[in-house]
Amino acid sequence: MISQAINHVSFCVPELEPALRFYRDILGFEPIARPSMGIDGAWLQAGSAQIHLIVAPAGADVGTAPGRTNPLANHTAFAIDDYLKTRDQLVSNGLAVLEAGAERGQMWVSDPAGNVIEFISARR
């Protein structure tokens, strides 16, 4: 095996502040130092991995997010300890949650840029 773990996941976003409100304020990831790269963005710690938010320059082709929350789309899954608490927190923050149900332990939301995010019970 080449890799031992995921180091980071990058998300291109059109605007930094809405993305920070989602990843920092709603999901609770902690901002960490980011070197100057000549492009706006932010890094956050998510357990043992990092989330890198990159503000896409105007006209850059970074692909297209799905038009709705779709579990078949490319997505990143975060392990959670409490399905119902996580769902309630997401809903209380105004997010539309697509659920597979507590028994399956999976749910999905879209971030402000349309990136699909899955939450999965850690025991799965």
C-alpha atoms as a PDB file:
ATOM      1  CA  MET A   1       0.000   0.000   0.000  1.00  0.00           C
ATOM      2  CA  ILE A   2       1.355   3.412  -0.961  1.00  0.00           C
ATOM      3  CA  SER A   3      -0.714   5.569   1.376  1.00  0.00           C
ATOM      4  CA  GLN A   4      -1.301   5.234   5.090  1.00  0.00           C
ATOM      5  CA  ALA A   5      -3.950   7.953   5.515  1.00  0.00           C
ATOM      6  CA  ILE A   6      -5.542  10.979   3.918  1.00  0.00           C
ATOM      7  CA  ASN A   7      -3.476  14.112   4.486  1.00  0.00           C
ATOM      8  CA  HIS A   8      -5.980  16.666   3.185  1.00  0.00           C
ATOM      9  CA  VAL A   9      -9.031  17.190   1.031  1.00  0.00           C
ATOM     10  CA  SER A  10      -9.314  20.351  -1.099  1.00  0.00           C
ATOM     11  CA  PHE A  11     -12.526  22.101  -2.026  1.00  0.00           C
ATOM     12  CA  CYS A  12     -12.681  24.910  -4.579  1.00  0.00           C
ATOM     13  CA  VAL A  13     -15.114  27.561  -3.443  1.00  0.00           C
ATOM     14  CA  PRO A  14     -16.255  30.780  -5.131  1.00  0.00           C
ATOM     15  CA  GLU A  15     -16.184  32.739  -1.850  1.00  0.00           C
ATOM     16  CA  LEU A  16     -14.200  32.038   1.315  1.00  0.00           C
ATOM     17  CA  GLU A  17     -16.520  33.404   4.023  1.00  0.00           C
ATOM     18  CA  PRO A  18     -19.577  31.191   3.286  1.00  0.00           C
ATOM     19  CA  ALA A  19     -17.264  28.162   3.144  1.00  0.00           C
ATOM     20  CA  LEU A  20     -15.666  29.110   6.484  1.00  0.00           C
ATOM     21  CA  ARG A  21     -19.090  29.533   8.067  1.00  0.00           C
ATOM     22  CA  PHE A  22     -19.898  25.972   6.954  1.00  0.00           C
ATOM     23  CA  TYR A  23     -16.633  24.160   7.734  1.00  0.00           C
ATOM     24  CA  ARG A  24     -15.519  26.197  10.760  1.00  0.00           C
ATOM     25  CA  ASP A  25     -18.735  27.396  12.378  1.00  0.00           C
ATOM     26  CA  ILE A  26     -21.185  24.566  11.601  1.00  0.00           C
ATOM     27  CA  LEU A  27     -18.863  21.544  11.355  1.00  0.00           C
ATOM     28  CA  GLY A  28     -16.446  22.845  13.997  1.00  0.00           C
ATOM     29  CA  PHE A  29     -13.155  22.361  12.149  1.00  0.00           C
ATOM     30  CA  GLU A  30     -10.309  24.450  13.562  1.00  0.00           C
ATOM     31  CA  PRO A  31      -8.472  26.965  11.350  1.00  0.00           C
ATOM     32  CA  ILE A  32      -4.736  26.278  11.088  1.00  0.00           C
ATOM     33  CA  ALA A  33      -1.811  28.184   9.616  1.00  0.00           C
ATOM     34  CA  ARG A  34      -1.633  28.338   5.835  1.00  0.00           C
ATOM     35  CA  PRO A  35       1.387  29.544   3.874  1.00  0.00           C
ATOM     36  CA  SER A  36       0.999  32.425   1.440  1.00  0.00           C
ATOM     37  CA  MET A  37       0.240  30.884  -1.945  1.00  0.00           C
ATOM     38  CA  GLY A  38      -0.790  33.871  -4.021  1.00  0.00           C
ATOM     39  CA  ILE A  39      -4.404  32.692  -3.999  1.00  0.00           C
ATOM     40  CA  ASP A  40      -7.062  33.168  -1.322  1.00  0.00           C
ATOM     41  CA  GLY A  41      -8.040  30.225   0.843  1.00  0.00           C
ATOM     42  CA  ALA A  42      -7.937  28.666   4.287  1.00  0.00           C
ATOM     43  CA  TRP A  43      -6.827  25.435   5.934  1.00  0.00           C
ATOM     44  CA  LEU A  44      -8.736  23.691   8.712  1.00  0.00           C
ATOM     45  CA  GLN A  45      -7.966  20.667  10.878  1.00  0.00           C
ATOM     46  CA  ALA A  46     -10.532  17.843  10.674  1.00  0.00           C
ATOM     47  CA  GLY A  47      -9.389  15.100  13.022  1.00  0.00           C
ATOM     48  CA  SER A  48      -6.158  13.692  11.626  1.00  0.00           C
ATOM     49  CA  ALA A  49      -6.735  15.223   8.176  1.00  0.00           C
ATOM     50  CA  GLN A  50      -6.992  18.759   6.883  1.00  0.00           C
ATOM     51  CA  ILE A  51      -9.549  20.576   4.764  1.00  0.00           C
ATOM     52  CA  HIS A  52      -8.054  23.022   2.276  1.00  0.00           C
ATOM     53  CA  LEU A  53     -10.431  25.671   0.956  1.00  0.00           C
ATOM     54  CA  ILE A  54      -9.256  27.239  -2.283  1.00  0.00           C
ATOM     55  CA  VAL A  55     -10.933  30.287  -3.799  1.00  0.00           C
ATOM     56  CA  ALA A  56     -11.011  29.511  -7.497  1.00  0.00           C
ATOM     57  CA  PRO A  57      -9.779  32.353  -9.695  1.00  0.00           C
ATOM     58  CA  ALA A  58     -12.388  33.751 -12.076  1.00  0.00           C
ATOM     59  CA  GLY A  59     -12.560  31.665 -15.220  1.00  0.00           C
ATOM     60  CA  ALA A  60     -10.681  28.673 -13.769  1.00  0.00           C
ATOM     61  CA  ASP A  61     -12.196  25.337 -14.773  1.00  0.00           C
ATOM     62  CA  VAL A  62     -12.516  23.428 -11.506  1.00  0.00           C
ATOM     63  CA  GLY A  63     -15.367  21.187 -12.570  1.00  0.00           C
ATOM     64  CA  THR A  64     -19.022  21.515 -11.772  1.00  0.00           C
ATOM     65  CA  ALA A  65     -20.672  20.599  -8.493  1.00  0.00           C
ATOM     66  CA  PRO A  66     -23.832  18.504  -8.832  1.00  0.00           C
ATOM     67  CA  GLY A  67     -27.052  20.509  -8.998  1.00  0.00           C
ATOM     68  CA  ARG A  68     -28.351  18.861  -5.820  1.00  0.00           C
ATOM     69  CA  THR A  69     -27.125  16.789  -2.899  1.00  0.00           C
ATOM     70  CA  ASN A  70     -26.352  13.506  -4.617  1.00  0.00           C
ATOM     71  CA  PRO A  71     -24.621  10.581  -2.842  1.00  0.00           C
ATOM     72  CA  LEU A  72     -23.395   9.310  -6.232  1.00  0.00           C
ATOM     73  CA  ALA A  73     -21.371  12.483  -6.824  1.00  0.00           C
ATOM     74  CA  ASN A  74     -17.740  12.734  -5.771  1.00  0.00           C
ATOM     75  CA  HIS A  75     -17.872  13.502  -2.065  1.00  0.00           C
ATOM     76  CA  THR A  76     -15.935  13.443   1.184  1.00  0.00           C
ATOM     77  CA  ALA A  77     -17.221  11.491   4.195  1.00  0.00           C
ATOM     78  CA  PHE A  78     -16.585  12.496   7.796  1.00  0.00           C
ATOM     79  CA  ALA A  79     -16.917   9.986  10.626  1.00  0.00           C
ATOM     80  CA  ILE A  80     -19.390  11.002  13.347  1.00  0.00           C
ATOM     81  CA  ASP A  81     -20.116   9.619  16.796  1.00  0.00           C
ATOM     82  CA  ASP A  82     -23.792  10.564  17.133  1.00  0.00           C
ATOM     83  CA  TYR A  83     -26.056  10.367  14.092  1.00  0.00           C
ATOM     84  CA  LEU A  84     -29.094  12.124  15.576  1.00  0.00           C
ATOM     85  CA  LYS A  85     -27.088  14.911  17.212  1.00  0.00           C
ATOM     86  CA  THR A  86     -25.227  15.571  13.958  1.00  0.00           C
ATOM     87  CA  ARG A  87     -28.425  15.572  11.911  1.00  0.00           C
ATOM     88  CA  ASP A  88     -30.138  17.932  14.353  1.00  0.00           C
ATOM     89  CA  GLN A  89     -27.156  20.312  14.307  1.00  0.00           C
ATOM     90  CA  LEU A  90     -27.106  20.394  10.507  1.00  0.00           C
ATOM     91  CA  VAL A  91     -30.872  20.979  10.291  1.00  0.00           C
ATOM     92  CA  SER A  92     -30.774  23.682  12.984  1.00  0.00           C
ATOM     93  CA  ASN A  93     -28.232  25.505  10.806  1.00  0.00           C
ATOM     94  CA  GLY A  94     -30.647  25.504   7.887  1.00  0.00           C
ATOM     95  CA  LEU A  95     -29.059  22.698   5.881  1.00  0.00           C
ATOM     96  CA  ALA A  96     -31.129  20.272   3.829  1.00  0.00           C
ATOM     97  CA  VAL A  97     -30.065  16.794   4.932  1.00  0.00           C
ATOM     98  CA  LEU A  98     -30.470  13.742   2.708  1.00  0.00           C
ATOM     99  CA  GLU A  99     -30.651  10.729   5.023  1.00  0.00           C
ATOM    100  CA  ALA A 100     -30.150   7.017   4.572  1.00  0.00           C
ATOM    101  CA  GLY A 101     -31.370   6.734   8.180  1.00  0.00           C
ATOM    102  CA  ALA A 102     -29.873   6.187  11.613  1.00  0.00           C
ATOM    103  CA  GLU A 103     -29.720   2.399  11.113  1.00  0.00           C
ATOM    104  CA  ARG A 104     -27.456   2.829   8.081  1.00  0.00           C
ATOM    105  CA  GLY A 105     -25.706   5.748   9.758  1.00  0.00           C
ATOM    106  CA  GLN A 106     -25.313   7.884   6.637  1.00  0.00           C
ATOM    107  CA  MET A 107     -26.444  11.375   5.650  1.00  0.00           C
ATOM    108  CA  TRP A 108     -25.372  13.962   3.089  1.00  0.00           C
ATOM    109  CA  VAL A 109     -25.443  17.747   2.744  1.00  0.00           C
ATOM    110  CA  SER A 110     -24.025  20.209   0.244  1.00  0.00           C
ATOM    111  CA  ASP A 111     -21.626  22.957   1.293  1.00  0.00           C
ATOM    112  CA  PRO A 112     -22.225  26.533   0.076  1.00  0.00           C
ATOM    113  CA  ALA A 113     -20.284  25.797  -3.141  1.00  0.00           C
ATOM    114  CA  GLY A 114     -22.340  22.656  -3.864  1.00  0.00           C
ATOM    115  CA  ASN A 115     -19.676  20.131  -2.796  1.00  0.00           C
ATOM    116  CA  VAL A 116     -21.330  16.989  -1.401  1.00  0.00           C
ATOM    117  CA  ILE A 117     -20.368  16.078   2.169  1.00  0.00           C
ATOM    118  CA  GLU A 118     -21.297  12.760   3.795  1.00  0.00           C
ATOM    119  CA  PHE A 119     -21.469  12.057   7.512  1.00  0.00           C
ATOM    120  CA  ILE A 120     -21.208   8.420   8.514  1.00  0.00           C
ATOM    121  CA  SER A 121     -21.454   6.839  11.938  1.00  0.00           C
ATOM    122  CA  ALA A 122     -17.956   5.869  13.058  1.00  0.00           C
ATOM    123  CA  ARG A 123     -19.012   2.321  13.900  1.00  0.00           C
ATOM    124  CA  ARG A 124     -19.763   1.615  10.213  1.00  0.00           C
END
